[in-house]
Amino acid sequence: MQRLALALALALVAAPAFAFHCPADMSKIDAALDAGPKLSEADLARVRQLRAEGERLHAAGQHQQSVDTLAEALRILGIK
């Protein structure tokens, strides 16, 4: 029972951390897009799609999915 309580507590503490990570990643993507990255039109469209999807997921409270989606956009942009 104590392990279950601990696991639940950790899950509740971790959720806000993901929530704060999403806006930071979106800002990095926006800055890179504003700088005019040298990407193909297909990659640029994909980054924009992933950025929009990441924001939608963040707003829906699906922070891990948002972080994963935004990470793919950052990877395409070459941002670590």
PDB file of N, CA and C in Angstrom:
ATOM      1  N   MET A   1       0.816  -1.186   0.000  1.00  0.00           N
ATOM      2  CA  MET A   1       0.000   0.000   0.000  1.00  0.00           C
ATOM      3  C   MET A   1       0.865   1.257   0.000  1.00  0.00           C
ATOM      4  N   GLN A   2       1.965   1.215   0.749  1.00  0.00           N
ATOM      5  CA  GLN A   2       2.861   2.363   0.800  1.00  0.00           C
ATOM      6  C   GLN A   2       3.507   2.605  -0.571  1.00  0.00           C
ATOM      7  N   ARG A   3       3.838   1.538  -1.276  1.00  0.00           N
ATOM      8  CA  ARG A   3       4.449   1.677  -2.606  1.00  0.00           C
ATOM      9  C   ARG A   3       3.472   2.325  -3.574  1.00  0.00           C
ATOM     10  N   LEU A   4       2.210   1.930  -3.481  1.00  0.00           N
ATOM     11  CA  LEU A   4       1.190   2.505  -4.345  1.00  0.00           C
ATOM     12  C   LEU A   4       1.026   3.996  -4.058  1.00  0.00           C
ATOM     13  N   ALA A   5       1.021   4.356  -2.796  1.00  0.00           N
ATOM     14  CA  ALA A   5       0.901   5.763  -2.413  1.00  0.00           C
ATOM     15  C   ALA A   5       2.110   6.555  -2.901  1.00  0.00           C
ATOM     16  N   LEU A   6       3.278   5.986  -2.789  1.00  0.00           N
ATOM     17  CA  LEU A   6       4.492   6.644  -3.254  1.00  0.00           C
ATOM     18  C   LEU A   6       4.463   6.826  -4.771  1.00  0.00           C
ATOM     19  N   ALA A   7       4.054   5.796  -5.485  1.00  0.00           N
ATOM     20  CA  ALA A   7       3.972   5.878  -6.946  1.00  0.00           C
ATOM     21  C   ALA A   7       2.975   6.951  -7.370  1.00  0.00           C
ATOM     22  N   LEU A   8       1.855   7.023  -6.710  1.00  0.00           N
ATOM     23  CA  LEU A   8       0.851   8.038  -7.018  1.00  0.00           C
ATOM     24  C   LEU A   8       1.392   9.436  -6.733  1.00  0.00           C
ATOM     25  N   ALA A   9       2.062   9.590  -5.629  1.00  0.00           N
ATOM     26  CA  ALA A   9       2.631  10.892  -5.279  1.00  0.00           C
ATOM     27  C   ALA A   9       3.665  11.334  -6.306  1.00  0.00           C
ATOM     28  N   LEU A  10       4.506  10.417  -6.725  1.00  0.00           N
ATOM     29  CA  LEU A  10       5.517  10.751  -7.733  1.00  0.00           C
ATOM     30  C   LEU A  10       4.874  11.124  -9.064  1.00  0.00           C
ATOM     31  N   ALA A  11       3.830  10.433  -9.444  1.00  0.00           N
ATOM     32  CA  ALA A  11       3.127  10.739 -10.690  1.00  0.00           C
ATOM     33  C   ALA A  11       2.520  12.135 -10.634  1.00  0.00           C
ATOM     34  N   LEU A  12       1.959  12.498  -9.494  1.00  0.00           N
ATOM     35  CA  LEU A  12       1.357  13.821  -9.349  1.00  0.00           C
ATOM     36  C   LEU A  12       2.400  14.929  -9.372  1.00  0.00           C
ATOM     37  N   VAL A  13       3.558  14.647  -8.839  1.00  0.00           N
ATOM     38  CA  VAL A  13       4.635  15.631  -8.824  1.00  0.00           C
ATOM     39  C   VAL A  13       5.243  15.771 -10.222  1.00  0.00           C
ATOM     40  N   ALA A  14       5.327  14.697 -10.970  1.00  0.00           N
ATOM     41  CA  ALA A  14       5.950  14.736 -12.288  1.00  0.00           C
ATOM     42  C   ALA A  14       5.092  15.444 -13.328  1.00  0.00           C
ATOM     43  N   ALA A  15       3.795  15.376 -13.223  1.00  0.00           N
ATOM     44  CA  ALA A  15       2.906  15.977 -14.226  1.00  0.00           C
ATOM     45  C   ALA A  15       3.165  17.468 -14.428  1.00  0.00           C
ATOM     46  N   PRO A  16       3.285  18.271 -13.372  1.00  0.00           N
ATOM     47  CA  PRO A  16       3.568  19.687 -13.588  1.00  0.00           C
ATOM     48  C   PRO A  16       4.925  19.931 -14.245  1.00  0.00           C
ATOM     49  N   ALA A  17       5.889  19.070 -14.000  1.00  0.00           N
ATOM     50  CA  ALA A  17       7.194  19.233 -14.635  1.00  0.00           C
ATOM     51  C   ALA A  17       7.070  19.119 -16.145  1.00  0.00           C
ATOM     52  N   PHE A  18       6.292  18.163 -16.616  1.00  0.00           N
ATOM     53  CA  PHE A  18       6.060  18.044 -18.049  1.00  0.00           C
ATOM     54  C   PHE A  18       5.308  19.264 -18.566  1.00  0.00           C
ATOM     55  N   ALA A  19       4.377  19.771 -17.790  1.00  0.00           N
ATOM     56  CA  ALA A  19       3.575  20.918 -18.211  1.00  0.00           C
ATOM     57  C   ALA A  19       4.463  22.129 -18.452  1.00  0.00           C
ATOM     58  N   PHE A  20       5.473  22.331 -17.624  1.00  0.00           N
ATOM     59  CA  PHE A  20       6.362  23.471 -17.793  1.00  0.00           C
ATOM     60  C   PHE A  20       7.362  23.254 -18.917  1.00  0.00           C
ATOM     61  N   HIS A  21       7.630  22.034 -19.251  1.00  0.00           N
ATOM     62  CA  HIS A  21       8.579  21.712 -20.318  1.00  0.00           C
ATOM     63  C   HIS A  21       8.007  22.046 -21.689  1.00  0.00           C
ATOM     64  N   CYS A  22       6.712  21.846 -21.874  1.00  0.00           N
ATOM     65  CA  CYS A  22       6.067  22.053 -23.173  1.00  0.00           C
ATOM     66  C   CYS A  22       6.225  23.487 -23.677  1.00  0.00           C
ATOM     67  N   PRO A  23       5.885  24.511 -22.883  1.00  0.00           N
ATOM     68  CA  PRO A  23       6.025  25.879 -23.380  1.00  0.00           C
ATOM     69  C   PRO A  23       7.471  26.235 -23.724  1.00  0.00           C
ATOM     70  N   ALA A  24       8.409  25.717 -22.972  1.00  0.00           N
ATOM     71  CA  ALA A  24       9.820  25.989 -23.265  1.00  0.00           C
ATOM     72  C   ALA A  24      10.195  25.403 -24.629  1.00  0.00           C
ATOM     73  N   ASP A  25       9.743  24.190 -24.906  1.00  0.00           N
ATOM     74  CA  ASP A  25      10.025  23.572 -26.202  1.00  0.00           C
ATOM     75  C   ASP A  25       9.335  24.329 -27.336  1.00  0.00           C
ATOM     76  N   MET A  26       8.094  24.767 -27.100  1.00  0.00           N
ATOM     77  CA  MET A  26       7.382  25.532 -28.121  1.00  0.00           C
ATOM     78  C   MET A  26       8.120  26.833 -28.425  1.00  0.00           C
ATOM     79  N   SER A  27       8.663  27.473 -27.398  1.00  0.00           N
ATOM     80  CA  SER A  27       9.422  28.713 -27.593  1.00  0.00           C
ATOM     81  C   SER A  27      10.682  28.470 -28.415  1.00  0.00           C
ATOM     82  N   LYS A  28      11.369  27.365 -28.143  1.00  0.00           N
ATOM     83  CA  LYS A  28      12.568  27.023 -28.926  1.00  0.00           C
ATOM     84  C   LYS A  28      12.208  26.812 -30.383  1.00  0.00           C
ATOM     85  N   ILE A  29      11.114  26.115 -30.631  1.00  0.00           N
ATOM     86  CA  ILE A  29      10.673  25.854 -32.007  1.00  0.00           C
ATOM     87  C   ILE A  29      10.304  27.162 -32.689  1.00  0.00           C
ATOM     88  N   ASP A  30       9.552  28.025 -31.994  1.00  0.00           N
ATOM     89  CA  ASP A  30       9.153  29.312 -32.566  1.00  0.00           C
ATOM     90  C   ASP A  30      10.371  30.157 -32.922  1.00  0.00           C
ATOM     91  N   ALA A  31      11.357  30.198 -32.040  1.00  0.00           N
ATOM     92  CA  ALA A  31      12.571  30.979 -32.301  1.00  0.00           C
ATOM     93  C   ALA A  31      13.306  30.442 -33.518  1.00  0.00           C
ATOM     94  N   ALA A  32      13.382  29.119 -33.631  1.00  0.00           N
ATOM     95  CA  ALA A  32      14.058  28.517 -34.782  1.00  0.00           C
ATOM     96  C   ALA A  32      13.299  28.817 -36.070  1.00  0.00           C
ATOM     97  N   LEU A  33      11.981  28.765 -36.025  1.00  0.00           N
ATOM     98  CA  LEU A  33      11.178  29.068 -37.213  1.00  0.00           C
ATOM     99  C   LEU A  33      11.320  30.535 -37.603  1.00  0.00           C
ATOM    100  N   ASP A  34      11.373  31.423 -36.618  1.00  0.00           N
ATOM    101  CA  ASP A  34      11.549  32.854 -36.890  1.00  0.00           C
ATOM    102  C   ASP A  34      12.913  33.148 -37.516  1.00  0.00           C
ATOM    103  N   ALA A  35      13.909  32.330 -37.188  1.00  0.00           N
ATOM    104  CA  ALA A  35      15.262  32.521 -37.720  1.00  0.00           C
ATOM    105  C   ALA A  35      15.384  32.035 -39.162  1.00  0.00           C
ATOM    106  N   GLY A  36      14.341  31.367 -39.671  1.00  0.00           N
ATOM    107  CA  GLY A  36      14.384  30.893 -41.056  1.00  0.00           C
ATOM    108  C   GLY A  36      15.307  29.702 -41.243  1.00  0.00           C
ATOM    109  N   PRO A  37      14.927  28.572 -40.671  1.00  0.00           N
ATOM    110  CA  PRO A  37      15.798  27.389 -40.772  1.00  0.00           C
ATOM    111  C   PRO A  37      15.933  26.919 -42.215  1.00  0.00           C
ATOM    112  N   LYS A  38      17.058  26.334 -42.515  1.00  0.00           N
ATOM    113  CA  LYS A  38      17.301  25.798 -43.848  1.00  0.00           C
ATOM    114  C   LYS A  38      16.785  24.366 -43.898  1.00  0.00           C
ATOM    115  N   LEU A  39      15.495  24.254 -44.133  1.00  0.00           N
ATOM    116  CA  LEU A  39      14.834  22.958 -44.214  1.00  0.00           C
ATOM    117  C   LEU A  39      14.083  22.874 -45.528  1.00  0.00           C
ATOM    118  N   SER A  40      13.836  21.673 -45.943  1.00  0.00           N
ATOM    119  CA  SER A  40      12.992  21.489 -47.120  1.00  0.00           C
ATOM    120  C   SER A  40      11.573  21.940 -46.765  1.00  0.00           C
ATOM    121  N   GLU A  41      10.782  22.209 -47.779  1.00  0.00           N
ATOM    122  CA  GLU A  41       9.390  22.606 -47.529  1.00  0.00           C
ATOM    123  C   GLU A  41       8.638  21.505 -46.770  1.00  0.00           C
ATOM    124  N   ALA A  42       8.942  20.243 -47.099  1.00  0.00           N
ATOM    125  CA  ALA A  42       8.279  19.124 -46.418  1.00  0.00           C
ATOM    126  C   ALA A  42       8.656  19.082 -44.938  1.00  0.00           C
ATOM    127  N   ASP A  43       9.944  19.276 -44.630  1.00  0.00           N
ATOM    128  CA  ASP A  43      10.377  19.271 -43.230  1.00  0.00           C
ATOM    129  C   ASP A  43       9.816  20.476 -42.480  1.00  0.00           C
ATOM    130  N   LEU A  44       9.786  21.616 -43.141  1.00  0.00           N
ATOM    131  CA  LEU A  44       9.237  22.811 -42.509  1.00  0.00           C
ATOM    132  C   LEU A  44       7.752  22.619 -42.191  1.00  0.00           C
ATOM    133  N   ALA A  45       7.020  22.048 -43.126  1.00  0.00           N
ATOM    134  CA  ALA A  45       5.599  21.768 -42.898  1.00  0.00           C
ATOM    135  C   ALA A  45       5.428  20.773 -41.755  1.00  0.00           C
ATOM    136  N   ARG A  46       6.291  19.767 -41.697  1.00  0.00           N
ATOM    137  CA  ARG A  46       6.212  18.768 -40.624  1.00  0.00           C
ATOM    138  C   ARG A  46       6.485  19.403 -39.265  1.00  0.00           C
ATOM    139  N   VAL A  47       7.479  20.276 -39.184  1.00  0.00           N
ATOM    140  CA  VAL A  47       7.796  20.964 -37.932  1.00  0.00           C
ATOM    141  C   VAL A  47       6.604  21.789 -37.479  1.00  0.00           C
ATOM    142  N   ARG A  48       5.994  22.520 -38.405  1.00  0.00           N
ATOM    143  CA  ARG A  48       4.825  23.338 -38.052  1.00  0.00           C
ATOM    144  C   ARG A  48       3.660  22.468 -37.574  1.00  0.00           C
ATOM    145  N   GLN A  49       3.481  21.332 -38.222  1.00  0.00           N
ATOM    146  CA  GLN A  49       2.415  20.409 -37.830  1.00  0.00           C
ATOM    147  C   GLN A  49       2.678  19.866 -36.417  1.00  0.00           C
ATOM    148  N   LEU A  50       3.912  19.439 -36.180  1.00  0.00           N
ATOM    149  CA  LEU A  50       4.270  18.900 -34.864  1.00  0.00           C
ATOM    150  C   LEU A  50       4.151  19.972 -33.784  1.00  0.00           C
ATOM    151  N   ARG A  51       4.529  21.193 -34.105  1.00  0.00           N
ATOM    152  CA  ARG A  51       4.437  22.310 -33.146  1.00  0.00           C
ATOM    153  C   ARG A  51       2.976  22.537 -32.761  1.00  0.00           C
ATOM    154  N   ALA A  52       2.092  22.568 -33.752  1.00  0.00           N
ATOM    155  CA  ALA A  52       0.670  22.773 -33.491  1.00  0.00           C
ATOM    156  C   ALA A  52       0.083  21.608 -32.691  1.00  0.00           C
ATOM    157  N   GLU A  53       0.468  20.403 -33.048  1.00  0.00           N
ATOM    158  CA  GLU A  53      -0.031  19.219 -32.333  1.00  0.00           C
ATOM    159  C   GLU A  53       0.475  19.217 -30.890  1.00  0.00           C
ATOM    160  N   GLY A  54       1.736  19.599 -30.693  1.00  0.00           N
ATOM    161  CA  GLY A  54       2.286  19.681 -29.340  1.00  0.00           C
ATOM    162  C   GLY A  54       1.539  20.680 -28.485  1.00  0.00           C
ATOM    163  N   GLU A  55       1.178  21.817 -29.066  1.00  0.00           N
ATOM    164  CA  GLU A  55       0.418  22.819 -28.320  1.00  0.00           C
ATOM    165  C   GLU A  55      -0.975  22.307 -27.982  1.00  0.00           C
ATOM    166  N   ARG A  56      -1.609  21.624 -28.941  1.00  0.00           N
ATOM    167  CA  ARG A  56      -2.942  21.065 -28.704  1.00  0.00           C
ATOM    168  C   ARG A  56      -2.899  20.043 -27.571  1.00  0.00           C
ATOM    169  N   LEU A  57      -1.904  19.168 -27.604  1.00  0.00           N
ATOM    170  CA  LEU A  57      -1.768  18.149 -26.566  1.00  0.00           C
ATOM    171  C   LEU A  57      -1.506  18.788 -25.204  1.00  0.00           C
ATOM    172  N   HIS A  58      -0.674  19.816 -25.179  1.00  0.00           N
ATOM    173  CA  HIS A  58      -0.378  20.520 -23.935  1.00  0.00           C
ATOM    174  C   HIS A  58      -1.655  21.119 -23.350  1.00  0.00           C
ATOM    175  N   ALA A  59      -2.441  21.780 -24.191  1.00  0.00           N
ATOM    176  CA  ALA A  59      -3.686  22.402 -23.740  1.00  0.00           C
ATOM    177  C   ALA A  59      -4.681  21.358 -23.233  1.00  0.00           C
ATOM    178  N   ALA A  60      -4.598  20.145 -23.789  1.00  0.00           N
ATOM    179  CA  ALA A  60      -5.498  19.068 -23.377  1.00  0.00           C
ATOM    180  C   ALA A  60      -4.993  18.344 -22.129  1.00  0.00           C
ATOM    181  N   GLY A  61      -3.840  18.761 -21.610  1.00  0.00           N
ATOM    182  CA  GLY A  61      -3.306  18.137 -20.408  1.00  0.00           C
ATOM    183  C   GLY A  61      -2.536  16.852 -20.666  1.00  0.00           C
ATOM    184  N   GLN A  62      -2.244  16.573 -21.918  1.00  0.00           N
ATOM    185  CA  GLN A  62      -1.502  15.350 -22.286  1.00  0.00           C
ATOM    186  C   GLN A  62      -0.031  15.723 -22.459  1.00  0.00           C
ATOM    187  N   HIS A  63       0.610  15.996 -21.340  1.00  0.00           N
ATOM    188  CA  HIS A  63       1.931  16.596 -21.378  1.00  0.00           C
ATOM    189  C   HIS A  63       3.026  15.666 -21.879  1.00  0.00           C
ATOM    190  N   GLN A  64       2.994  14.411 -21.532  1.00  0.00           N
ATOM    191  CA  GLN A  64       4.034  13.510 -22.032  1.00  0.00           C
ATOM    192  C   GLN A  64       3.947  13.389 -23.549  1.00  0.00           C
ATOM    193  N   GLN A  65       2.737  13.278 -24.070  1.00  0.00           N
ATOM    194  CA  GLN A  65       2.567  13.199 -25.518  1.00  0.00           C
ATOM    195  C   GLN A  65       3.012  14.504 -26.171  1.00  0.00           C
ATOM    196  N   SER A  66       2.740  15.625 -25.525  1.00  0.00           N
ATOM    197  CA  SER A  66       3.174  16.922 -26.035  1.00  0.00           C
ATOM    198  C   SER A  66       4.688  17.009 -26.074  1.00  0.00           C
ATOM    199  N   VAL A  67       5.334  16.612 -24.996  1.00  0.00           N
ATOM    200  CA  VAL A  67       6.801  16.633 -24.939  1.00  0.00           C
ATOM    201  C   VAL A  67       7.386  15.752 -26.038  1.00  0.00           C
ATOM    202  N   ASP A  68       6.827  14.568 -26.235  1.00  0.00           N
ATOM    203  CA  ASP A  68       7.323  13.660 -27.270  1.00  0.00           C
ATOM    204  C   ASP A  68       7.139  14.252 -28.663  1.00  0.00           C
ATOM    205  N   THR A  69       5.996  14.862 -28.911  1.00  0.00           N
ATOM    206  CA  THR A  69       5.705  15.456 -30.211  1.00  0.00           C
ATOM    207  C   THR A  69       6.625  16.640 -30.482  1.00  0.00           C
ATOM    208  N   LEU A  70       6.788  17.493 -29.492  1.00  0.00           N
ATOM    209  CA  LEU A  70       7.660  18.646 -29.648  1.00  0.00           C
ATOM    210  C   LEU A  70       9.122  18.224 -29.801  1.00  0.00           C
ATOM    211  N   ALA A  71       9.509  17.134 -29.163  1.00  0.00           N
ATOM    212  CA  ALA A  71      10.880  16.627 -29.294  1.00  0.00           C
ATOM    213  C   ALA A  71      11.172  16.222 -30.733  1.00  0.00           C
ATOM    214  N   GLU A  72      10.181  15.680 -31.421  1.00  0.00           N
ATOM    215  CA  GLU A  72      10.361  15.309 -32.827  1.00  0.00           C
ATOM    216  C   GLU A  72      10.589  16.560 -33.672  1.00  0.00           C
ATOM    217  N   ALA A  73       9.839  17.623 -33.406  1.00  0.00           N
ATOM    218  CA  ALA A  73      10.037  18.885 -34.137  1.00  0.00           C
ATOM    219  C   ALA A  73      11.432  19.444 -33.855  1.00  0.00           C
ATOM    220  N   LEU A  74      11.848  19.401 -32.607  1.00  0.00           N
ATOM    221  CA  LEU A  74      13.191  19.879 -32.258  1.00  0.00           C
ATOM    222  C   LEU A  74      14.267  19.057 -32.953  1.00  0.00           C
ATOM    223  N   ARG A  75      14.058  17.753 -33.061  1.00  0.00           N
ATOM    224  CA  ARG A  75      15.025  16.893 -33.730  1.00  0.00           C
ATOM    225  C   ARG A  75      15.161  17.284 -35.198  1.00  0.00           C
ATOM    226  N   ILE A  76      14.046  17.519 -35.868  1.00  0.00           N
ATOM    227  CA  ILE A  76      14.083  17.913 -37.277  1.00  0.00           C
ATOM    228  C   ILE A  76      14.830  19.239 -37.439  1.00  0.00           C
ATOM    229  N   LEU A  77      14.615  20.146 -36.475  1.00  0.00           N
ATOM    230  CA  LEU A  77      15.290  21.439 -36.531  1.00  0.00           C
ATOM    231  C   LEU A  77      16.763  21.361 -36.132  1.00  0.00           C
ATOM    232  N   GLY A  78      17.177  20.233 -35.577  1.00  0.00           N
ATOM    233  CA  GLY A  78      18.560  20.063 -35.149  1.00  0.00           C
ATOM    234  C   GLY A  78      18.855  20.703 -33.805  1.00  0.00           C
ATOM    235  N   ILE A  79      17.816  20.856 -32.985  1.00  0.00           N
ATOM    236  CA  ILE A  79      17.955  21.443 -31.658  1.00  0.00           C
ATOM    237  C   ILE A  79      17.930  20.333 -30.621  1.00  0.00           C
ATOM    238  N   LYS A  80      18.878  20.386 -29.687  1.00  0.00           N
ATOM    239  CA  LYS A  80      18.939  19.357 -28.638  1.00  0.00           C
ATOM    240  C   LYS A  80      18.319  19.860 -27.377  1.00  0.00           C
TER     241      LYS A  80
END
